[in-house]
Amino acid sequence: MEPIAIYDAAATARLLDFGVLIDALATAAQEHDAGRIHAPVRTGV
């Protein structure tokens, strides 16, 4: 049973990390929409 518990903990950690990523992206999108941050401009190929 121990490998299953380790797998569950790892899967939970990945889901939490994914949730943090989604939250960060949502915050960045709100900041961008409010004009507080700007997308980088590509100048080269």
Protein backbone atom coordinates (compact mmCIF):
# COMPACT_ATOMS: atom_id res chain seq x y z
CA MET A 1 0.00 0.00 0.00
CA GLU A 2 2.92 2.38 0.53
CA PRO A 3 3.59 3.02 -3.20
CA ILE A 4 -0.06 4.01 -3.66
CA ALA A 5 0.19 6.51 -0.79
CA ILE A 6 3.35 8.00 -2.32
CA TYR A 7 1.66 8.22 -5.72
CA ASP A 8 -1.39 9.92 -4.20
CA ALA A 9 0.81 12.45 -2.42
CA ALA A 10 2.71 13.16 -5.63
CA ALA A 11 -0.50 13.52 -7.62
CA THR A 12 -1.92 15.88 -5.01
CA ALA A 13 1.26 17.97 -5.07
CA ARG A 14 1.07 18.22 -8.87
CA LEU A 15 -2.56 19.31 -8.70
CA LEU A 16 -1.71 21.96 -6.11
CA ASP A 17 1.19 23.18 -8.27
CA PHE A 18 -1.15 23.33 -11.27
CA GLY A 19 -3.65 25.33 -9.19
CA VAL A 20 -0.92 27.79 -8.22
CA LEU A 21 0.07 28.14 -11.89
CA ILE A 22 -3.52 28.81 -12.95
CA ASP A 23 -3.90 31.40 -10.18
CA ALA A 24 -0.67 33.14 -11.23
CA LEU A 25 -1.76 33.20 -14.88
CA ALA A 26 -5.17 34.60 -13.94
CA THR A 27 -3.56 37.32 -11.83
CA ALA A 28 -1.16 38.20 -14.64
CA ALA A 29 -4.06 38.40 -17.10
CA GLN A 30 -5.93 40.77 -14.77
CA GLU A 31 -2.83 42.93 -14.33
CA HIS A 32 -2.33 43.00 -18.12
CA ASP A 33 -5.98 43.92 -18.74
CA ALA A 34 -5.70 46.72 -16.18
CA GLY A 35 -2.64 48.08 -18.01
CA ARG A 36 -0.25 47.51 -15.10
CA ILE A 37 1.94 45.09 -17.04
CA HIS A 38 2.71 44.89 -20.74
CA ALA A 39 3.40 41.93 -22.97
CA PRO A 40 6.94 41.85 -24.36
CA VAL A 41 7.30 42.97 -27.95
CA ARG A 42 9.13 40.61 -30.26
CA THR A 43 11.78 42.47 -32.23
CA GLY A 44 13.60 39.58 -33.92
CA VAL A 45 12.86 36.43 -35.81
